[in-house]
């Protein structure tokens, strides 16, 4: 229960993410290999990103980048991303239709 309270407090304390959708789209070419060109993965083990909440996406990518969340595929992909890259990618994927249209 304490972990949930800490997570909620962190989310509330985070400023709103305000990334550039066009810049995120340009940066997303590498992501498309696993998460699909439209944010809908064709590979069952990789999640769909289209329509996810922008702040959630940013939090997860920062956690992968900073080693707080472990994954042997995502950690090296997120490592070189700047905060601006993450904000832009998050804005782009949040803007996509989760139905893939």
PDB file of N, CA and C in Angstrom:
ATOM      1  N   UNK A   1       0.819  -1.190   0.000  1.00  0.00           N
ATOM      2  CA  UNK A   1       0.000   0.000   0.000  1.00  0.00           C
ATOM      3  C   UNK A   1       0.867   1.259   0.000  1.00  0.00           C
ATOM      4  N   UNK A   2       2.016   1.186   0.704  1.00  0.00           N
ATOM      5  CA  UNK A   2       2.905   2.343   0.743  1.00  0.00           C
ATOM      6  C   UNK A   2       3.460   2.651  -0.648  1.00  0.00           C
ATOM      7  N   UNK A   3       3.786   1.591  -1.412  1.00  0.00           N
ATOM      8  CA  UNK A   3       4.326   1.790  -2.752  1.00  0.00           C
ATOM      9  C   UNK A   3       3.320   2.506  -3.644  1.00  0.00           C
ATOM     10  N   UNK A   4       2.056   2.145  -3.506  1.00  0.00           N
ATOM     11  CA  UNK A   4       1.018   2.793  -4.287  1.00  0.00           C
ATOM     12  C   UNK A   4       0.913   4.263  -3.917  1.00  0.00           C
ATOM     13  N   UNK A   5       0.965   4.568  -2.643  1.00  0.00           N
ATOM     14  CA  UNK A   5       0.890   5.961  -2.193  1.00  0.00           C
ATOM     15  C   UNK A   5       2.065   6.772  -2.729  1.00  0.00           C
ATOM     16  N   UNK A   6       3.254   6.171  -2.725  1.00  0.00           N
ATOM     17  CA  UNK A   6       4.442   6.853  -3.243  1.00  0.00           C
ATOM     18  C   UNK A   6       4.294   7.094  -4.745  1.00  0.00           C
ATOM     19  N   UNK A   7       3.808   6.098  -5.475  1.00  0.00           N
ATOM     20  CA  UNK A   7       3.612   6.240  -6.910  1.00  0.00           C
ATOM     21  C   UNK A   7       2.594   7.335  -7.230  1.00  0.00           C
ATOM     22  N   UNK A   8       1.515   7.374  -6.492  1.00  0.00           N
ATOM     23  CA  UNK A   8       0.495   8.411  -6.702  1.00  0.00           C
ATOM     24  C   UNK A   8       1.084   9.787  -6.417  1.00  0.00           C
ATOM     25  N   UNK A   9       1.840   9.902  -5.333  1.00  0.00           N
ATOM     26  CA  UNK A   9       2.459  11.189  -4.991  1.00  0.00           C
ATOM     27  C   UNK A   9       3.431  11.633  -6.076  1.00  0.00           C
ATOM     28  N   UNK A  10       4.204  10.685  -6.617  1.00  0.00           N
ATOM     29  CA  UNK A  10       5.150  11.020  -7.686  1.00  0.00           C
ATOM     30  C   UNK A  10       4.423  11.517  -8.930  1.00  0.00           C
ATOM     31  N   UNK A  11       3.353  10.844  -9.297  1.00  0.00           N
ATOM     32  CA  UNK A  11       2.597  11.230 -10.486  1.00  0.00           C
ATOM     33  C   UNK A  11       1.973  12.613 -10.323  1.00  0.00           C
ATOM     34  N   UNK A  12       1.481  12.886  -9.137  1.00  0.00           N
ATOM     35  CA  UNK A  12       0.850  14.179  -8.895  1.00  0.00           C
ATOM     36  C   UNK A  12       1.884  15.301  -8.877  1.00  0.00           C
ATOM     37  N   UNK A  13       3.102  14.972  -8.468  1.00  0.00           N
ATOM     38  CA  UNK A  13       4.153  15.981  -8.387  1.00  0.00           C
ATOM     39  C   UNK A  13       4.805  16.265  -9.733  1.00  0.00           C
ATOM     40  N   UNK A  14       4.654  15.341 -10.677  1.00  0.00           N
ATOM     41  CA  UNK A  14       5.270  15.529 -11.992  1.00  0.00           C
ATOM     42  C   UNK A  14       4.564  16.617 -12.783  1.00  0.00           C
ATOM     43  N   UNK A  15       5.323  17.490 -13.416  1.00  0.00           N
ATOM     44  CA  UNK A  15       4.672  18.475 -14.271  1.00  0.00           C
ATOM     45  C   UNK A  15       4.061  17.786 -15.482  1.00  0.00           C
ATOM     46  N   UNK A  16       3.089  18.425 -16.074  1.00  0.00           N
ATOM     47  CA  UNK A  16       2.448  17.860 -17.260  1.00  0.00           C
ATOM     48  C   UNK A  16       3.488  17.737 -18.370  1.00  0.00           C
ATOM     49  N   UNK A  17       3.433  16.664 -19.103  1.00  0.00           N
ATOM     50  CA  UNK A  17       4.344  16.448 -20.218  1.00  0.00           C
ATOM     51  C   UNK A  17       3.791  17.229 -21.402  1.00  0.00           C
ATOM     52  N   UNK A  18       4.649  17.953 -22.052  1.00  0.00           N
ATOM     53  CA  UNK A  18       4.194  18.741 -23.191  1.00  0.00           C
ATOM     54  C   UNK A  18       5.181  18.568 -24.338  1.00  0.00           C
ATOM     55  N   UNK A  19       5.162  17.398 -24.919  1.00  0.00           N
ATOM     56  CA  UNK A  19       6.089  17.099 -25.993  1.00  0.00           C
ATOM     57  C   UNK A  19       5.588  17.543 -27.352  1.00  0.00           C
ATOM     58  N   UNK A  20       6.472  17.491 -28.314  1.00  0.00           N
ATOM     59  CA  UNK A  20       6.199  17.867 -29.693  1.00  0.00           C
ATOM     60  C   UNK A  20       5.858  16.583 -30.464  1.00  0.00           C
ATOM     61  N   UNK A  21       4.626  16.484 -30.917  1.00  0.00           N
ATOM     62  CA  UNK A  21       4.147  15.272 -31.594  1.00  0.00           C
ATOM     63  C   UNK A  21       4.945  14.986 -32.861  1.00  0.00           C
ATOM     64  N   UNK A  22       5.196  16.007 -33.661  1.00  0.00           N
ATOM     65  CA  UNK A  22       5.934  15.812 -34.920  1.00  0.00           C
ATOM     66  C   UNK A  22       7.359  15.332 -34.646  1.00  0.00           C
ATOM     67  N   UNK A  23       8.007  15.908 -33.652  1.00  0.00           N
ATOM     68  CA  UNK A  23       9.370  15.481 -33.303  1.00  0.00           C
ATOM     69  C   UNK A  23       9.347  14.049 -32.769  1.00  0.00           C
ATOM     70  N   UNK A  24       8.314  13.706 -32.021  1.00  0.00           N
ATOM     71  CA  UNK A  24       8.174  12.345 -31.515  1.00  0.00           C
ATOM     72  C   UNK A  24       7.994  11.346 -32.636  1.00  0.00           C
ATOM     73  N   UNK A  25       7.199  11.720 -33.625  1.00  0.00           N
ATOM     74  CA  UNK A  25       6.987  10.830 -34.775  1.00  0.00           C
ATOM     75  C   UNK A  25       8.307  10.599 -35.502  1.00  0.00           C
ATOM     76  N   UNK A  26       9.079  11.657 -35.682  1.00  0.00           N
ATOM     77  CA  UNK A  26      10.369  11.537 -36.368  1.00  0.00           C
ATOM     78  C   UNK A  26      11.327  10.639 -35.586  1.00  0.00           C
ATOM     79  N   UNK A  27      11.248  10.671 -34.270  1.00  0.00           N
ATOM     80  CA  UNK A  27      12.151   9.893 -33.421  1.00  0.00           C
ATOM     81  C   UNK A  27      11.690   8.443 -33.261  1.00  0.00           C
ATOM     82  N   UNK A  28      10.462   8.137 -33.653  1.00  0.00           N
ATOM     83  CA  UNK A  28       9.851   6.836 -33.359  1.00  0.00           C
ATOM     84  C   UNK A  28      10.221   5.700 -34.316  1.00  0.00           C
ATOM     85  N   UNK A  29      11.036   5.951 -35.309  1.00  0.00           N
ATOM     86  CA  UNK A  29      11.346   4.916 -36.309  1.00  0.00           C
ATOM     87  C   UNK A  29      11.900   3.648 -35.673  1.00  0.00           C
ATOM     88  N   UNK A  30      12.787   3.784 -34.705  1.00  0.00           N
ATOM     89  CA  UNK A  30      13.366   2.621 -34.037  1.00  0.00           C
ATOM     90  C   UNK A  30      12.309   1.880 -33.223  1.00  0.00           C
ATOM     91  N   UNK A  31      11.410   2.631 -32.598  1.00  0.00           N
ATOM     92  CA  UNK A  31      10.362   2.045 -31.749  1.00  0.00           C
ATOM     93  C   UNK A  31       9.409   1.165 -32.569  1.00  0.00           C
ATOM     94  N   UNK A  32       9.206   1.560 -33.824  1.00  0.00           N
ATOM     95  CA  UNK A  32       8.232   0.883 -34.681  1.00  0.00           C
ATOM     96  C   UNK A  32       8.579  -0.589 -34.915  1.00  0.00           C
ATOM     97  N   UNK A  33       9.842  -0.947 -34.829  1.00  0.00           N
ATOM     98  CA  UNK A  33      10.239  -2.342 -35.052  1.00  0.00           C
ATOM     99  C   UNK A  33       9.514  -3.286 -34.090  1.00  0.00           C
ATOM    100  N   UNK A  34       9.301  -2.859 -32.870  1.00  0.00           N
ATOM    101  CA  UNK A  34       8.627  -3.709 -31.874  1.00  0.00           C
ATOM    102  C   UNK A  34       7.200  -3.256 -31.583  1.00  0.00           C
ATOM    103  N   UNK A  35       6.975  -1.934 -31.592  1.00  0.00           N
ATOM    104  CA  UNK A  35       5.676  -1.399 -31.171  1.00  0.00           C
ATOM    105  C   UNK A  35       4.761  -1.047 -32.343  1.00  0.00           C
ATOM    106  N   UNK A  36       5.211  -1.298 -33.561  1.00  0.00           N
ATOM    107  CA  UNK A  36       4.391  -1.051 -34.749  1.00  0.00           C
ATOM    108  C   UNK A  36       4.469   0.385 -35.232  1.00  0.00           C
ATOM    109  N   UNK A  37       4.309   0.570 -36.540  1.00  0.00           N
ATOM    110  CA  UNK A  37       4.396   1.901 -37.153  1.00  0.00           C
ATOM    111  C   UNK A  37       3.305   2.835 -36.648  1.00  0.00           C
ATOM    112  N   UNK A  38       2.173   2.275 -36.255  1.00  0.00           N
ATOM    113  CA  UNK A  38       1.061   3.095 -35.757  1.00  0.00           C
ATOM    114  C   UNK A  38       0.857   2.896 -34.253  1.00  0.00           C
ATOM    115  N   UNK A  39       1.890   2.372 -33.581  1.00  0.00           N
ATOM    116  CA  UNK A  39       1.818   2.163 -32.137  1.00  0.00           C
ATOM    117  C   UNK A  39       1.074   0.913 -31.725  1.00  0.00           C
ATOM    118  N   UNK A  40       0.696   0.090 -32.704  1.00  0.00           N
ATOM    119  CA  UNK A  40       0.012  -1.175 -32.437  1.00  0.00           C
ATOM    120  C   UNK A  40       0.978  -2.302 -32.801  1.00  0.00           C
ATOM    121  N   UNK A  41       1.431  -3.019 -31.794  1.00  0.00           N
ATOM    122  CA  UNK A  41       2.421  -4.070 -32.000  1.00  0.00           C
ATOM    123  C   UNK A  41       1.803  -5.294 -32.665  1.00  0.00           C
ATOM    124  N   UNK A  42       2.537  -5.856 -33.592  1.00  0.00           N
ATOM    125  CA  UNK A  42       2.135  -7.107 -34.225  1.00  0.00           C
ATOM    126  C   UNK A  42       2.769  -8.303 -33.511  1.00  0.00           C
ATOM    127  N   UNK A  43       3.623  -8.003 -32.541  1.00  0.00           N
ATOM    128  CA  UNK A  43       4.347  -9.043 -31.799  1.00  0.00           C
ATOM    129  C   UNK A  43       3.718  -9.139 -30.405  1.00  0.00           C
ATOM    130  N   UNK A  44       3.152 -10.280 -30.059  1.00  0.00           N
ATOM    131  CA  UNK A  44       2.405 -10.402 -28.800  1.00  0.00           C
ATOM    132  C   UNK A  44       3.152  -9.998 -27.530  1.00  0.00           C
ATOM    133  N   UNK A  45       4.464 -10.150 -27.487  1.00  0.00           N
ATOM    134  CA  UNK A  45       5.183  -9.838 -26.250  1.00  0.00           C
ATOM    135  C   UNK A  45       5.478  -8.344 -26.067  1.00  0.00           C
ATOM    136  N   UNK A  46       5.205  -7.522 -27.082  1.00  0.00           N
ATOM    137  CA  UNK A  46       5.454  -6.082 -26.983  1.00  0.00           C
ATOM    138  C   UNK A  46       4.140  -5.327 -26.876  1.00  0.00           C
ATOM    139  N   UNK A  47       4.079  -4.349 -25.983  1.00  0.00           N
ATOM    140  CA  UNK A  47       2.804  -3.639 -25.764  1.00  0.00           C
ATOM    141  C   UNK A  47       2.476  -2.637 -26.866  1.00  0.00           C
ATOM    142  N   UNK A  48       1.191  -2.397 -27.015  1.00  0.00           N
ATOM    143  CA  UNK A  48       0.721  -1.314 -27.865  1.00  0.00           C
ATOM    144  C   UNK A  48       0.984   0.004 -27.130  1.00  0.00           C
ATOM    145  N   UNK A  49       1.429   1.013 -27.849  1.00  0.00           N
ATOM    146  CA  UNK A  49       1.687   2.323 -27.251  1.00  0.00           C
ATOM    147  C   UNK A  49       0.647   3.347 -27.660  1.00  0.00           C
ATOM    148  N   UNK A  50      -0.037   3.104 -28.758  1.00  0.00           N
ATOM    149  CA  UNK A  50      -1.023   4.062 -29.276  1.00  0.00           C
ATOM    150  C   UNK A  50      -2.106   4.339 -28.244  1.00  0.00           C
ATOM    151  N   UNK A  51      -2.311   5.621 -27.967  1.00  0.00           N
ATOM    152  CA  UNK A  51      -3.390   6.029 -27.079  1.00  0.00           C
ATOM    153  C   UNK A  51      -3.083   5.903 -25.599  1.00  0.00           C
ATOM    154  N   UNK A  52      -1.880   5.437 -25.246  1.00  0.00           N
ATOM    155  CA  UNK A  52      -1.517   5.400 -23.831  1.00  0.00           C
ATOM    156  C   UNK A  52      -1.420   6.835 -23.306  1.00  0.00           C
ATOM    157  N   UNK A  53      -1.577   7.013 -22.025  1.00  0.00           N
ATOM    158  CA  UNK A  53      -1.488   8.347 -21.439  1.00  0.00           C
ATOM    159  C   UNK A  53      -0.052   8.859 -21.534  1.00  0.00           C
ATOM    160  N   UNK A  54       0.071  10.116 -21.942  1.00  0.00           N
ATOM    161  CA  UNK A  54       1.375  10.731 -22.185  1.00  0.00           C
ATOM    162  C   UNK A  54       2.285  10.680 -20.956  1.00  0.00           C
ATOM    163  N   UNK A  55       1.750  11.037 -19.809  1.00  0.00           N
ATOM    164  CA  UNK A  55       2.556  11.058 -18.591  1.00  0.00           C
ATOM    165  C   UNK A  55       3.009   9.648 -18.203  1.00  0.00           C
ATOM    166  N   UNK A  56       2.151   8.668 -18.394  1.00  0.00           N
ATOM    167  CA  UNK A  56       2.506   7.273 -18.103  1.00  0.00           C
ATOM    168  C   UNK A  56       3.668   6.830 -18.987  1.00  0.00           C
ATOM    169  N   UNK A  57       3.574   7.116 -20.285  1.00  0.00           N
ATOM    170  CA  UNK A  57       4.641   6.725 -21.206  1.00  0.00           C
ATOM    171  C   UNK A  57       5.967   7.363 -20.810  1.00  0.00           C
ATOM    172  N   UNK A  58       5.936   8.643 -20.475  1.00  0.00           N
ATOM    173  CA  UNK A  58       7.160   9.349 -20.088  1.00  0.00           C
ATOM    174  C   UNK A  58       7.761   8.730 -18.833  1.00  0.00           C
ATOM    175  N   UNK A  59       6.927   8.434 -17.865  1.00  0.00           N
ATOM    176  CA  UNK A  59       7.398   7.845 -16.616  1.00  0.00           C
ATOM    177  C   UNK A  59       8.064   6.490 -16.868  1.00  0.00           C
ATOM    178  N   UNK A  60       7.457   5.668 -17.724  1.00  0.00           N
ATOM    179  CA  UNK A  60       7.998   4.343 -18.001  1.00  0.00           C
ATOM    180  C   UNK A  60       9.318   4.431 -18.771  1.00  0.00           C
ATOM    181  N   UNK A  61       9.382   5.300 -19.767  1.00  0.00           N
ATOM    182  CA  UNK A  61      10.629   5.423 -20.537  1.00  0.00           C
ATOM    183  C   UNK A  61      11.766   5.948 -19.660  1.00  0.00           C
ATOM    184  N   UNK A  62      11.465   6.894 -18.777  1.00  0.00           N
ATOM    185  CA  UNK A  62      12.504   7.397 -17.866  1.00  0.00           C
ATOM    186  C   UNK A  62      12.948   6.292 -16.914  1.00  0.00           C
ATOM    187  N   UNK A  63      12.015   5.472 -16.458  1.00  0.00           N
ATOM    188  CA  UNK A  63      12.366   4.369 -15.557  1.00  0.00           C
ATOM    189  C   UNK A  63      13.274   3.354 -16.260  1.00  0.00           C
ATOM    190  N   UNK A  64      13.001   3.058 -17.525  1.00  0.00           N
ATOM    191  CA  UNK A  64      13.878   2.169 -18.298  1.00  0.00           C
ATOM    192  C   UNK A  64      15.251   2.821 -18.471  1.00  0.00           C
ATOM    193  N   UNK A  65      15.253   4.087 -18.867  1.00  0.00           N
ATOM    194  CA  UNK A  65      16.503   4.801 -19.120  1.00  0.00           C
ATOM    195  C   UNK A  65      17.382   4.873 -17.872  1.00  0.00           C
ATOM    196  N   UNK A  66      16.754   5.141 -16.731  1.00  0.00           N
ATOM    197  CA  UNK A  66      17.493   5.362 -15.494  1.00  0.00           C
ATOM    198  C   UNK A  66      17.773   4.077 -14.711  1.00  0.00           C
ATOM    199  N   UNK A  67      17.336   2.928 -15.247  1.00  0.00           N
ATOM    200  CA  UNK A  67      17.604   1.643 -14.611  1.00  0.00           C
ATOM    201  C   UNK A  67      16.672   1.295 -13.465  1.00  0.00           C
ATOM    202  N   UNK A  68      15.622   2.104 -13.259  1.00  0.00           N
ATOM    203  CA  UNK A  68      14.650   1.820 -12.198  1.00  0.00           C
ATOM    204  C   UNK A  68      13.704   0.696 -12.609  1.00  0.00           C
ATOM    205  N   UNK A  69      13.511   0.538 -13.899  1.00  0.00           N
ATOM    206  CA  UNK A  69      12.698  -0.543 -14.442  1.00  0.00           C
ATOM    207  C   UNK A  69      13.618  -1.370 -15.338  1.00  0.00           C
ATOM    208  N   UNK A  70      13.677  -2.638 -15.094  1.00  0.00           N
ATOM    209  CA  UNK A  70      14.620  -3.517 -15.799  1.00  0.00           C
ATOM    210  C   UNK A  70      13.948  -4.241 -16.958  1.00  0.00           C
ATOM    211  N   UNK A  71      14.584  -4.182 -18.114  1.00  0.00           N
ATOM    212  CA  UNK A  71      14.162  -4.946 -19.278  1.00  0.00           C
ATOM    213  C   UNK A  71      15.330  -4.954 -20.246  1.00  0.00           C
ATOM    214  N   UNK A  72      15.765  -6.146 -20.664  1.00  0.00           N
ATOM    215  CA  UNK A  72      16.965  -6.229 -21.489  1.00  0.00           C
ATOM    216  C   UNK A  72      16.777  -5.677 -22.897  1.00  0.00           C
ATOM    217  N   UNK A  73      15.556  -5.487 -23.341  1.00  0.00           N
ATOM    218  CA  UNK A  73      15.312  -4.878 -24.652  1.00  0.00           C
ATOM    219  C   UNK A  73      15.168  -3.364 -24.508  1.00  0.00           C
ATOM    220  N   UNK A  74      14.319  -2.936 -23.584  1.00  0.00           N
ATOM    221  CA  UNK A  74      14.014  -1.509 -23.472  1.00  0.00           C
ATOM    222  C   UNK A  74      15.129  -0.677 -22.837  1.00  0.00           C
ATOM    223  N   UNK A  75      15.863  -1.233 -21.898  1.00  0.00           N
ATOM    224  CA  UNK A  75      16.905  -0.449 -21.219  1.00  0.00           C
ATOM    225  C   UNK A  75      17.907   0.159 -22.201  1.00  0.00           C
ATOM    226  N   UNK A  76      18.491  -0.633 -23.111  1.00  0.00           N
ATOM    227  CA  UNK A  76      19.434  -0.017 -24.045  1.00  0.00           C
ATOM    228  C   UNK A  76      18.765   0.910 -25.069  1.00  0.00           C
ATOM    229  N   UNK A  77      17.490   0.683 -25.350  1.00  0.00           N
ATOM    230  CA  UNK A  77      16.781   1.562 -26.289  1.00  0.00           C
ATOM    231  C   UNK A  77      16.523   2.929 -25.649  1.00  0.00           C
ATOM    232  N   UNK A  78      16.206   2.929 -24.368  1.00  0.00           N
ATOM    233  CA  UNK A  78      15.862   4.169 -23.670  1.00  0.00           C
ATOM    234  C   UNK A  78      17.096   4.925 -23.172  1.00  0.00           C
ATOM    235  N   UNK A  79      18.194   4.237 -22.980  1.00  0.00           N
ATOM    236  CA  UNK A  79      19.402   4.837 -22.388  1.00  0.00           C
ATOM    237  C   UNK A  79      19.837   6.134 -23.067  1.00  0.00           C
ATOM    238  N   UNK A  80      19.886   6.211 -24.389  1.00  0.00           N
ATOM    239  CA  UNK A  80      20.365   7.448 -25.019  1.00  0.00           C
ATOM    240  C   UNK A  80      19.314   8.562 -25.126  1.00  0.00           C
ATOM    241  N   UNK A  81      18.079   8.307 -24.692  1.00  0.00           N
ATOM    242  CA  UNK A  81      17.019   9.307 -24.853  1.00  0.00           C
ATOM    243  C   UNK A  81      17.149  10.434 -23.834  1.00  0.00           C
ATOM    244  N   UNK A  82      17.018  11.656 -24.326  1.00  0.00           N
ATOM    245  CA  UNK A  82      17.003  12.826 -23.448  1.00  0.00           C
ATOM    246  C   UNK A  82      15.589  12.995 -22.892  1.00  0.00           C
ATOM    247  N   UNK A  83      15.438  13.867 -21.910  1.00  0.00           N
ATOM    248  CA  UNK A  83      14.099  14.163 -21.391  1.00  0.00           C
ATOM    249  C   UNK A  83      13.209  14.715 -22.501  1.00  0.00           C
ATOM    250  N   UNK A  84      13.792  15.526 -23.391  1.00  0.00           N
ATOM    251  CA  UNK A  84      13.029  16.084 -24.507  1.00  0.00           C
ATOM    252  C   UNK A  84      12.585  14.981 -25.468  1.00  0.00           C
ATOM    253  N   UNK A  85      13.476  14.054 -25.789  1.00  0.00           N
ATOM    254  CA  UNK A  85      13.116  12.915 -26.649  1.00  0.00           C
ATOM    255  C   UNK A  85      11.948  12.148 -26.044  1.00  0.00           C
ATOM    256  N   UNK A  86      12.034  11.885 -24.753  1.00  0.00           N
ATOM    257  CA  UNK A  86      10.987  11.127 -24.064  1.00  0.00           C
ATOM    258  C   UNK A  86       9.664  11.877 -24.084  1.00  0.00           C
ATOM    259  N   UNK A  87       9.712  13.176 -23.851  1.00  0.00           N
ATOM    260  CA  UNK A  87       8.486  13.986 -23.894  1.00  0.00           C
ATOM    261  C   UNK A  87       7.873  13.950 -25.293  1.00  0.00           C
ATOM    262  N   UNK A  88       8.707  14.042 -26.313  1.00  0.00           N
ATOM    263  CA  UNK A  88       8.216  14.040 -27.691  1.00  0.00           C
ATOM    264  C   UNK A  88       7.636  12.672 -28.079  1.00  0.00           C
ATOM    265  N   UNK A  89       8.331  11.615 -27.737  1.00  0.00           N
ATOM    266  CA  UNK A  89       7.824  10.267 -28.031  1.00  0.00           C
ATOM    267  C   UNK A  89       6.513  10.009 -27.290  1.00  0.00           C
ATOM    268  N   UNK A  90       6.448  10.433 -26.053  1.00  0.00           N
ATOM    269  CA  UNK A  90       5.230  10.251 -25.253  1.00  0.00           C
ATOM    270  C   UNK A  90       4.054  10.998 -25.868  1.00  0.00           C
ATOM    271  N   UNK A  91       4.293  12.228 -26.305  1.00  0.00           N
ATOM    272  CA  UNK A  91       3.232  13.022 -26.937  1.00  0.00           C
ATOM    273  C   UNK A  91       2.762  12.352 -28.225  1.00  0.00           C
ATOM    274  N   UNK A  92       3.710  11.862 -29.007  1.00  0.00           N
ATOM    275  CA  UNK A  92       3.366  11.212 -30.268  1.00  0.00           C
ATOM    276  C   UNK A  92       2.510   9.966 -30.043  1.00  0.00           C
ATOM    277  N   UNK A  93       2.970   9.053 -29.194  1.00  0.00           N
ATOM    278  CA  UNK A  93       2.212   7.817 -28.982  1.00  0.00           C
ATOM    279  C   UNK A  93       0.864   8.071 -28.306  1.00  0.00           C
ATOM    280  N   UNK A  94       0.802   9.048 -27.434  1.00  0.00           N
ATOM    281  CA  UNK A  94      -0.480   9.391 -26.792  1.00  0.00           C
ATOM    282  C   UNK A  94      -1.474   9.938 -27.808  1.00  0.00           C
ATOM    283  N   UNK A  95      -0.963  10.555 -28.873  1.00  0.00           N
ATOM    284  CA  UNK A  95      -1.839  11.153 -29.885  1.00  0.00           C
ATOM    285  C   UNK A  95      -2.441  10.129 -30.854  1.00  0.00           C
ATOM    286  N   UNK A  96      -1.880   8.923 -30.870  1.00  0.00           N
ATOM    287  CA  UNK A  96      -2.330   7.913 -31.831  1.00  0.00           C
ATOM    288  C   UNK A  96      -3.612   7.235 -31.374  1.00  0.00           C
ATOM    289  N   UNK A  97      -4.402   6.828 -32.343  1.00  0.00           N
ATOM    290  CA  UNK A  97      -5.658   6.128 -32.085  1.00  0.00           C
ATOM    291  C   UNK A  97      -5.367   4.707 -31.590  1.00  0.00           C
ATOM    292  N   UNK A  98      -5.840   4.356 -30.403  1.00  0.00           N
ATOM    293  CA  UNK A  98      -5.571   3.018 -29.884  1.00  0.00           C
ATOM    294  C   UNK A  98      -6.208   1.903 -30.701  1.00  0.00           C
ATOM    295  N   UNK A  99      -7.127   2.253 -31.593  1.00  0.00           N
ATOM    296  CA  UNK A  99      -7.726   1.265 -32.479  1.00  0.00           C
ATOM    297  C   UNK A  99      -6.861   1.030 -33.713  1.00  0.00           C
ATOM    298  N   UNK A 100      -5.775   1.798 -33.848  1.00  0.00           N
ATOM    299  CA  UNK A 100      -4.865   1.627 -34.965  1.00  0.00           C
ATOM    300  C   UNK A 100      -5.321   2.263 -36.253  1.00  0.00           C
ATOM    301  N   UNK A 101      -6.299   3.137 -36.182  1.00  0.00           N
ATOM    302  CA  UNK A 101      -6.830   3.781 -37.395  1.00  0.00           C
ATOM    303  C   UNK A 101      -6.199   5.109 -37.664  1.00  0.00           C
TER     304      UNK A 101
END
